[in-house]
Amino acid sequence: AVVSSSSGAAAAGGGGGKPPRKKAVVVLNMSAETRP
């Protein structure tokens, strides 16, 4: 929830609203067969 910012208030979620969270999905096929 706390992201990089030049101002501590913004980074702490104050002033300008709460910034959106960034997301990643990691998918690993750890087998020798094709998988959906």
PDB file of all heavy atoms in Angstrom:
ATOM      1  N   ALA A   1       0.833  -1.207   0.000  1.00  0.00           N
ATOM      2  CA  ALA A   1       0.000   0.000   0.000  1.00  0.00           C
ATOM      3  C   ALA A   1       0.858   1.243   0.000  1.00  0.00           C
ATOM      4  O   ALA A   1       0.505   2.266  -0.557  1.00  0.00           O
ATOM      5  CB  ALA A   1      -0.925   0.000   1.216  1.00  0.00           C
ATOM      6  N   VAL A   2       2.028   1.158   0.617  1.00  0.00           N
ATOM      7  CA  VAL A   2       2.948   2.282   0.637  1.00  0.00           C
ATOM      8  C   VAL A   2       3.879   2.128  -0.550  1.00  0.00           C
ATOM      9  O   VAL A   2       4.588   1.142  -0.664  1.00  0.00           O
ATOM     10  CB  VAL A   2       3.761   2.298   1.948  1.00  0.00           C
ATOM     11  CG1 VAL A   2       4.722   3.472   1.950  1.00  0.00           C
ATOM     12  CG2 VAL A   2       2.806   2.395   3.126  1.00  0.00           C
ATOM     13  N   VAL A   3       3.879   3.093  -1.459  1.00  0.00           N
ATOM     14  CA  VAL A   3       4.679   3.019  -2.657  1.00  0.00           C
ATOM     15  C   VAL A   3       5.643   4.184  -2.676  1.00  0.00           C
ATOM     16  O   VAL A   3       5.542   5.124  -1.905  1.00  0.00           O
ATOM     17  CB  VAL A   3       3.800   3.041  -3.938  1.00  0.00           C
ATOM     18  CG1 VAL A   3       2.935   1.815  -3.983  1.00  0.00           C
ATOM     19  CG2 VAL A   3       2.946   4.303  -3.997  1.00  0.00           C
ATOM     20  N   SER A   4       6.586   4.133  -3.615  1.00  0.00           N
ATOM     21  CA  SER A   4       7.574   5.189  -3.739  1.00  0.00           C
ATOM     22  C   SER A   4       6.898   6.524  -4.008  1.00  0.00           C
ATOM     23  O   SER A   4       5.931   6.621  -4.762  1.00  0.00           O
ATOM     24  CB  SER A   4       8.559   4.871  -4.871  1.00  0.00           C
ATOM     25  OG  SER A   4       9.234   3.677  -4.591  1.00  0.00           O
ATOM     26  N   SER A   5       7.418   7.563  -3.396  1.00  0.00           N
ATOM     27  CA  SER A   5       6.861   8.901  -3.593  1.00  0.00           C
ATOM     28  C   SER A   5       7.869   9.916  -3.123  1.00  0.00           C
ATOM     29  O   SER A   5       8.671   9.654  -2.239  1.00  0.00           O
ATOM     30  CB  SER A   5       5.558   9.063  -2.806  1.00  0.00           C
ATOM     31  OG  SER A   5       5.107  10.391  -2.845  1.00  0.00           O
ATOM     32  N   SER A   6       7.847  11.080  -3.708  1.00  0.00           N
ATOM     33  CA  SER A   6       8.737  12.144  -3.279  1.00  0.00           C
ATOM     34  C   SER A   6       8.238  12.802  -2.017  1.00  0.00           C
ATOM     35  O   SER A   6       8.952  13.521  -1.342  1.00  0.00           O
ATOM     36  CB  SER A   6       8.892  13.202  -4.377  1.00  0.00           C
ATOM     37  OG  SER A   6       7.617  13.741  -4.692  1.00  0.00           O
ATOM     38  N   SER A   7       6.983  12.559  -1.663  1.00  0.00           N
ATOM     39  CA  SER A   7       6.445  13.142  -0.427  1.00  0.00           C
ATOM     40  C   SER A   7       5.997  12.041   0.497  1.00  0.00           C
ATOM     41  O   SER A   7       5.331  11.094   0.103  1.00  0.00           O
ATOM     42  CB  SER A   7       5.252  14.067  -0.741  1.00  0.00           C
ATOM     43  OG  SER A   7       4.104  13.320  -1.013  1.00  0.00           O
ATOM     44  N   GLY A   8       6.408  12.129   1.765  1.00  0.00           N
ATOM     45  CA  GLY A   8       6.037  11.103   2.736  1.00  0.00           C
ATOM     46  C   GLY A   8       4.540  10.997   2.887  1.00  0.00           C
ATOM     47  O   GLY A   8       3.995   9.908   3.052  1.00  0.00           O
ATOM     48  N   ALA A   9       3.808  12.099   2.804  1.00  0.00           N
ATOM     49  CA  ALA A   9       2.363  12.054   3.014  1.00  0.00           C
ATOM     50  C   ALA A   9       1.684  11.222   1.944  1.00  0.00           C
ATOM     51  O   ALA A   9       0.837  10.385   2.229  1.00  0.00           O
ATOM     52  CB  ALA A   9       1.791  13.478   3.022  1.00  0.00           C
ATOM     53  N   ALA A  10       2.094  11.425   0.691  1.00  0.00           N
ATOM     54  CA  ALA A  10       1.484  10.655  -0.386  1.00  0.00           C
ATOM     55  C   ALA A  10       1.836   9.188  -0.253  1.00  0.00           C
ATOM     56  O   ALA A  10       1.016   8.304  -0.459  1.00  0.00           O
ATOM     57  CB  ALA A  10       1.934  11.197  -1.740  1.00  0.00           C
ATOM     58  N   ALA A  11       3.102   8.911   0.110  1.00  0.00           N
ATOM     59  CA  ALA A  11       3.524   7.520   0.247  1.00  0.00           C
ATOM     60  C   ALA A  11       2.779   6.823   1.364  1.00  0.00           C
ATOM     61  O   ALA A  11       2.524   5.637   1.307  1.00  0.00           O
ATOM     62  CB  ALA A  11       5.038   7.452   0.521  1.00  0.00           C
ATOM     63  N   ALA A  12       2.416   7.566   2.381  1.00  0.00           N
ATOM     64  CA  ALA A  12       1.713   6.960   3.501  1.00  0.00           C
ATOM     65  C   ALA A  12       0.214   6.878   3.269  1.00  0.00           C
ATOM     66  O   ALA A  12      -0.541   6.455   4.123  1.00  0.00           O
ATOM     67  CB  ALA A  12       1.989   7.763   4.774  1.00  0.00           C
ATOM     68  N   GLY A  13      -0.229   7.285   2.099  1.00  0.00           N
ATOM     69  CA  GLY A  13      -1.638   7.178   1.764  1.00  0.00           C
ATOM     70  C   GLY A  13      -2.427   8.413   2.129  1.00  0.00           C
ATOM     71  O   GLY A  13      -3.643   8.438   2.016  1.00  0.00           O
ATOM     72  N   GLY A  14      -1.735   9.466   2.561  1.00  0.00           N
ATOM     73  CA  GLY A  14      -2.446  10.694   2.901  1.00  0.00           C
ATOM     74  C   GLY A  14      -2.446  11.658   1.746  1.00  0.00           C
ATOM     75  O   GLY A  14      -1.721  11.522   0.783  1.00  0.00           O
ATOM     76  N   GLY A  15      -3.270  12.684   1.759  1.00  0.00           N
ATOM     77  CA  GLY A  15      -3.351  13.708   0.714  1.00  0.00           C
ATOM     78  C   GLY A  15      -3.780  13.130  -0.598  1.00  0.00           C
ATOM     79  O   GLY A  15      -4.038  12.166  -0.759  1.00  0.00           O
ATOM     80  N   GLY A  16      -3.904  13.264  -1.647  1.00  0.00           N
ATOM     81  CA  GLY A  16      -4.133  12.774  -2.981  1.00  0.00           C
ATOM     82  C   GLY A  16      -4.739  11.405  -3.141  1.00  0.00           C
ATOM     83  O   GLY A  16      -4.756  10.881  -4.220  1.00  0.00           O
ATOM     84  N   GLY A  17      -5.195  10.781  -2.074  1.00  0.00           N
ATOM     85  CA  GLY A  17      -5.872   9.499  -2.207  1.00  0.00           C
ATOM     86  C   GLY A  17      -4.906   8.336  -2.220  1.00  0.00           C
ATOM     87  O   GLY A  17      -3.700   8.489  -2.362  1.00  0.00           O
ATOM     88  N   LYS A  18      -5.446   7.151  -2.112  1.00  0.00           N
ATOM     89  CA  LYS A  18      -4.652   5.931  -2.050  1.00  0.00           C
ATOM     90  C   LYS A  18      -4.271   5.473  -3.445  1.00  0.00           C
ATOM     91  O   LYS A  18      -5.134   5.249  -4.285  1.00  0.00           O
ATOM     92  CB  LYS A  18      -5.453   4.853  -1.332  1.00  0.00           C
ATOM     93  CG  LYS A  18      -4.684   3.557  -1.106  1.00  0.00           C
ATOM     94  CD  LYS A  18      -5.551   2.572  -0.330  1.00  0.00           C
ATOM     95  CE  LYS A  18      -4.793   1.278  -0.088  1.00  0.00           C
ATOM     96  NZ  LYS A  18      -5.629   0.314   0.651  1.00  0.00           N
ATOM     97  N   PRO A  19      -2.974   5.341  -3.751  1.00  0.00           N
ATOM     98  CA  PRO A  19      -2.565   4.930  -5.097  1.00  0.00           C
ATOM     99  C   PRO A  19      -2.943   3.477  -5.358  1.00  0.00           C
ATOM    100  O   PRO A  19      -3.012   2.674  -4.429  1.00  0.00           O
ATOM    101  CB  PRO A  19      -1.039   5.110  -5.066  1.00  0.00           C
ATOM    102  CG  PRO A  19      -0.678   4.997  -3.631  1.00  0.00           C
ATOM    103  CD  PRO A  19      -1.834   5.561  -2.853  1.00  0.00           C
ATOM    104  N   PRO A  20      -3.214   3.117  -6.607  1.00  0.00           N
ATOM    105  CA  PRO A  20      -3.580   1.730  -6.927  1.00  0.00           C
ATOM    106  C   PRO A  20      -2.392   0.800  -6.721  1.00  0.00           C
ATOM    107  O   PRO A  20      -1.244   1.180  -6.925  1.00  0.00           O
ATOM    108  CB  PRO A  20      -3.977   1.801  -8.403  1.00  0.00           C
ATOM    109  CG  PRO A  20      -3.245   2.988  -8.935  1.00  0.00           C
ATOM    110  CD  PRO A  20      -3.192   3.976  -7.820  1.00  0.00           C
ATOM    111  N   ARG A  21      -2.682  -0.414  -6.318  1.00  0.00           N
ATOM    112  CA  ARG A  21      -1.628  -1.401  -6.150  1.00  0.00           C
ATOM    113  C   ARG A  21      -1.298  -2.047  -7.485  1.00  0.00           C
ATOM    114  O   ARG A  21      -2.174  -2.341  -8.282  1.00  0.00           O
ATOM    115  CB  ARG A  21      -2.060  -2.460  -5.150  1.00  0.00           C
ATOM    116  CG  ARG A  21      -2.295  -1.921  -3.752  1.00  0.00           C
ATOM    117  CD  ARG A  21      -2.481  -3.042  -2.764  1.00  0.00           C
ATOM    118  NE  ARG A  21      -2.711  -2.541  -1.422  1.00  0.00           N
ATOM    119  CZ  ARG A  21      -2.652  -3.285  -0.335  1.00  0.00           C
ATOM    120  NH1 ARG A  21      -2.381  -4.575  -0.431  1.00  0.00           N
ATOM    121  NH2 ARG A  21      -2.875  -2.769   0.854  1.00  0.00           N
ATOM    122  N   LYS A  22      -0.015  -2.288  -7.689  1.00  0.00           N
ATOM    123  CA  LYS A  22       0.435  -2.982  -8.892  1.00  0.00           C
ATOM    124  C   LYS A  22       0.469  -4.479  -8.599  1.00  0.00           C
ATOM    125  O   LYS A  22       0.823  -4.902  -7.505  1.00  0.00           O
ATOM    126  CB  LYS A  22       1.813  -2.473  -9.289  1.00  0.00           C
ATOM    127  CG  LYS A  22       1.813  -1.001  -9.674  1.00  0.00           C
ATOM    128  CD  LYS A  22       3.200  -0.382  -9.599  1.00  0.00           C
ATOM    129  CE  LYS A  22       4.156  -0.991 -10.602  1.00  0.00           C
ATOM    130  NZ  LYS A  22       5.474  -0.308 -10.561  1.00  0.00           N
ATOM    131  N   LYS A  23       0.092  -5.254  -9.606  1.00  0.00           N
ATOM    132  CA  LYS A  23       0.010  -6.705  -9.429  1.00  0.00           C
ATOM    133  C   LYS A  23       0.703  -7.433 -10.572  1.00  0.00           C
ATOM    134  O   LYS A  23       0.761  -6.935 -11.697  1.00  0.00           O
ATOM    135  CB  LYS A  23      -1.453  -7.151  -9.345  1.00  0.00           C
ATOM    136  CG  LYS A  23      -2.149  -6.695  -8.071  1.00  0.00           C
ATOM    137  CD  LYS A  23      -3.625  -6.993  -8.092  1.00  0.00           C
ATOM    138  CE  LYS A  23      -4.357  -6.004  -8.999  1.00  0.00           C
ATOM    139  NZ  LYS A  23      -4.334  -4.628  -8.479  1.00  0.00           N
ATOM    140  N   ALA A  24       1.221  -8.618 -10.238  1.00  0.00           N
ATOM    141  CA  ALA A  24       1.800  -9.509 -11.236  1.00  0.00           C
ATOM    142  C   ALA A  24       1.330 -10.926 -10.935  1.00  0.00           C
ATOM    143  O   ALA A  24       1.187 -11.306  -9.767  1.00  0.00           O
ATOM    144  CB  ALA A  24       3.318  -9.447 -11.212  1.00  0.00           C
ATOM    145  N   VAL A  25       1.076 -11.689 -11.981  1.00  0.00           N
ATOM    146  CA  VAL A  25       0.772 -13.114 -11.827  1.00  0.00           C
ATOM    147  C   VAL A  25       1.908 -13.887 -12.469  1.00  0.00           C
ATOM    148  O   VAL A  25       2.211 -13.700 -13.658  1.00  0.00           O
ATOM    149  CB  VAL A  25      -0.573 -13.487 -12.477  1.00  0.00           C
ATOM    150  CG1 VAL A  25      -0.785 -14.997 -12.413  1.00  0.00           C
ATOM    151  CG2 VAL A  25      -1.726 -12.763 -11.770  1.00  0.00           C
ATOM    152  N   VAL A  26       2.545 -14.734 -11.676  1.00  0.00           N
ATOM    153  CA  VAL A  26       3.645 -15.573 -12.151  1.00  0.00           C
ATOM    154  C   VAL A  26       3.101 -16.983 -12.357  1.00  0.00           C
ATOM    155  O   VAL A  26       2.486 -17.557 -11.450  1.00  0.00           O
ATOM    156  CB  VAL A  26       4.804 -15.593 -11.141  1.00  0.00           C
ATOM    157  CG1 VAL A  26       5.957 -16.447 -11.662  1.00  0.00           C
ATOM    158  CG2 VAL A  26       5.271 -14.170 -10.833  1.00  0.00           C
ATOM    159  N   VAL A  27       3.290 -17.536 -13.550  1.00  0.00           N
ATOM    160  CA  VAL A  27       2.797 -18.866 -13.872  1.00  0.00           C
ATOM    161  C   VAL A  27       3.969 -19.709 -14.364  1.00  0.00           C
ATOM    162  O   VAL A  27       4.600 -19.365 -15.376  1.00  0.00           O
ATOM    163  CB  VAL A  27       1.695 -18.834 -14.950  1.00  0.00           C
ATOM    164  CG1 VAL A  27       1.047 -20.207 -15.064  1.00  0.00           C
ATOM    165  CG2 VAL A  27       0.656 -17.777 -14.633  1.00  0.00           C
ATOM    166  N   LEU A  28       4.251 -20.792 -13.661  1.00  0.00           N
ATOM    167  CA  LEU A  28       5.358 -21.679 -14.014  1.00  0.00           C
ATOM    168  C   LEU A  28       4.823 -23.086 -14.213  1.00  0.00           C
ATOM    169  O   LEU A  28       4.187 -23.644 -13.310  1.00  0.00           O
ATOM    170  CB  LEU A  28       6.409 -21.693 -12.904  1.00  0.00           C
ATOM    171  CG  LEU A  28       6.957 -20.344 -12.440  1.00  0.00           C
ATOM    172  CD1 LEU A  28       7.742 -20.504 -11.147  1.00  0.00           C
ATOM    173  CD2 LEU A  28       7.830 -19.723 -13.525  1.00  0.00           C
ATOM    174  N   ASN A  29       5.063 -23.640 -15.384  1.00  0.00           N
ATOM    175  CA  ASN A  29       4.728 -25.044 -15.624  1.00  0.00           C
ATOM    176  C   ASN A  29       5.948 -25.874 -15.251  1.00  0.00           C
ATOM    177  O   ASN A  29       6.909 -25.946 -16.003  1.00  0.00           O
ATOM    178  CB  ASN A  29       4.347 -25.270 -17.083  1.00  0.00           C
ATOM    179  CG  ASN A  29       4.014 -26.741 -17.362  1.00  0.00           C
ATOM    180  OD1 ASN A  29       3.893 -27.548 -16.447  1.00  0.00           O
ATOM    181  ND2 ASN A  29       3.869 -27.068 -18.636  1.00  0.00           N
ATOM    182  N   MET A  30       5.914 -26.491 -14.085  1.00  0.00           N
ATOM    183  CA  MET A  30       7.057 -27.249 -13.605  1.00  0.00           C
ATOM    184  C   MET A  30       6.886 -28.733 -13.902  1.00  0.00           C
ATOM    185  O   MET A  30       7.026 -29.598 -13.036  1.00  0.00           O
ATOM    186  CB  MET A  30       7.274 -26.967 -12.121  1.00  0.00           C
ATOM    187  CG  MET A  30       7.518 -25.481 -11.868  1.00  0.00           C
ATOM    188  SD  MET A  30       7.976 -25.042 -10.182  1.00  0.00           S
ATOM    189  CE  MET A  30       9.703 -25.517 -10.146  1.00  0.00           C
ATOM    190  N   SER A  31       6.583 -28.997 -15.166  1.00  0.00           N
ATOM    191  CA  SER A  31       6.426 -30.375 -15.629  1.00  0.00           C
ATOM    192  C   SER A  31       6.831 -30.451 -17.090  1.00  0.00           C
ATOM    193  O   SER A  31       7.003 -29.430 -17.756  1.00  0.00           O
ATOM    194  CB  SER A  31       4.970 -30.836 -15.471  1.00  0.00           C
ATOM    195  OG  SER A  31       4.148 -30.301 -16.496  1.00  0.00           O
ATOM    196  N   ALA A  32       6.975 -31.666 -17.591  1.00  0.00           N
ATOM    197  CA  ALA A  32       7.361 -31.879 -18.988  1.00  0.00           C
ATOM    198  C   ALA A  32       6.158 -32.005 -19.908  1.00  0.00           C
ATOM    199  O   ALA A  32       6.304 -32.344 -21.088  1.00  0.00           O
ATOM    200  CB  ALA A  32       8.234 -33.132 -19.096  1.00  0.00           C
ATOM    201  N   GLU A  33       4.954 -31.739 -19.392  1.00  0.00           N
ATOM    202  CA  GLU A  33       3.732 -31.833 -20.178  1.00  0.00           C
ATOM    203  C   GLU A  33       3.119 -30.447 -20.390  1.00  0.00           C
ATOM    204  O   GLU A  33       3.243 -29.568 -19.548  1.00  0.00           O
ATOM    205  CB  GLU A  33       2.703 -32.720 -19.457  1.00  0.00           C
ATOM    206  CG  GLU A  33       3.223 -34.092 -19.069  1.00  0.00           C
ATOM    207  CD  GLU A  33       3.547 -34.946 -20.284  1.00  0.00           C
ATOM    208  OE1 GLU A  33       2.880 -34.749 -21.330  1.00  0.00           O
ATOM    209  OE2 GLU A  33       4.441 -35.799 -20.193  1.00  0.00           O
ATOM    210  N   THR A  34       2.459 -30.251 -21.534  1.00  0.00           N
ATOM    211  CA  THR A  34       1.731 -29.005 -21.780  1.00  0.00           C
ATOM    212  C   THR A  34       0.566 -28.893 -20.799  1.00  0.00           C
ATOM    213  O   THR A  34      -0.142 -29.868 -20.550  1.00  0.00           O
ATOM    214  CB  THR A  34       1.206 -28.967 -23.222  1.00  0.00           C
ATOM    215  OG1 THR A  34       2.318 -29.057 -24.126  1.00  0.00           O
ATOM    216  CG2 THR A  34       0.441 -27.678 -23.493  1.00  0.00           C
ATOM    217  N   ARG A  35       0.390 -27.694 -20.237  1.00  0.00           N
ATOM    218  CA  ARG A  35      -0.649 -27.485 -19.239  1.00  0.00           C
ATOM    219  C   ARG A  35      -1.429 -26.218 -19.558  1.00  0.00           C
ATOM    220  O   ARG A  35      -0.866 -25.234 -20.037  1.00  0.00           O
ATOM    221  CB  ARG A  35      -0.029 -27.340 -17.837  1.00  0.00           C
ATOM    222  CG  ARG A  35       0.829 -28.504 -17.411  1.00  0.00           C
ATOM    223  CD  ARG A  35       0.018 -29.726 -17.110  1.00  0.00           C
ATOM    224  NE  ARG A  35      -0.879 -29.510 -15.965  1.00  0.00           N
ATOM    225  CZ  ARG A  35      -1.656 -30.432 -15.453  1.00  0.00           C
ATOM    226  NH1 ARG A  35      -1.698 -31.643 -16.000  1.00  0.00           N
ATOM    227  NH2 ARG A  35      -2.425 -30.163 -14.416  1.00  0.00           N
ATOM    228  N   PRO A  36      -2.750 -26.200 -19.288  1.00  0.00           N
ATOM    229  CA  PRO A  36      -3.517 -24.967 -19.512  1.00  0.00           C
ATOM    230  C   PRO A  36      -3.088 -23.887 -18.527  1.00  0.00           C
ATOM    231  O   PRO A  36      -2.709 -24.176 -17.384  1.00  0.00           O
ATOM    232  CB  PRO A  36      -4.968 -25.404 -19.269  1.00  0.00           C
ATOM    233  CG  PRO A  36      -4.859 -26.612 -18.396  1.00  0.00           C
ATOM    234  CD  PRO A  36      -3.595 -27.298 -18.793  1.00  0.00           C
TER     235      PRO A  36
END
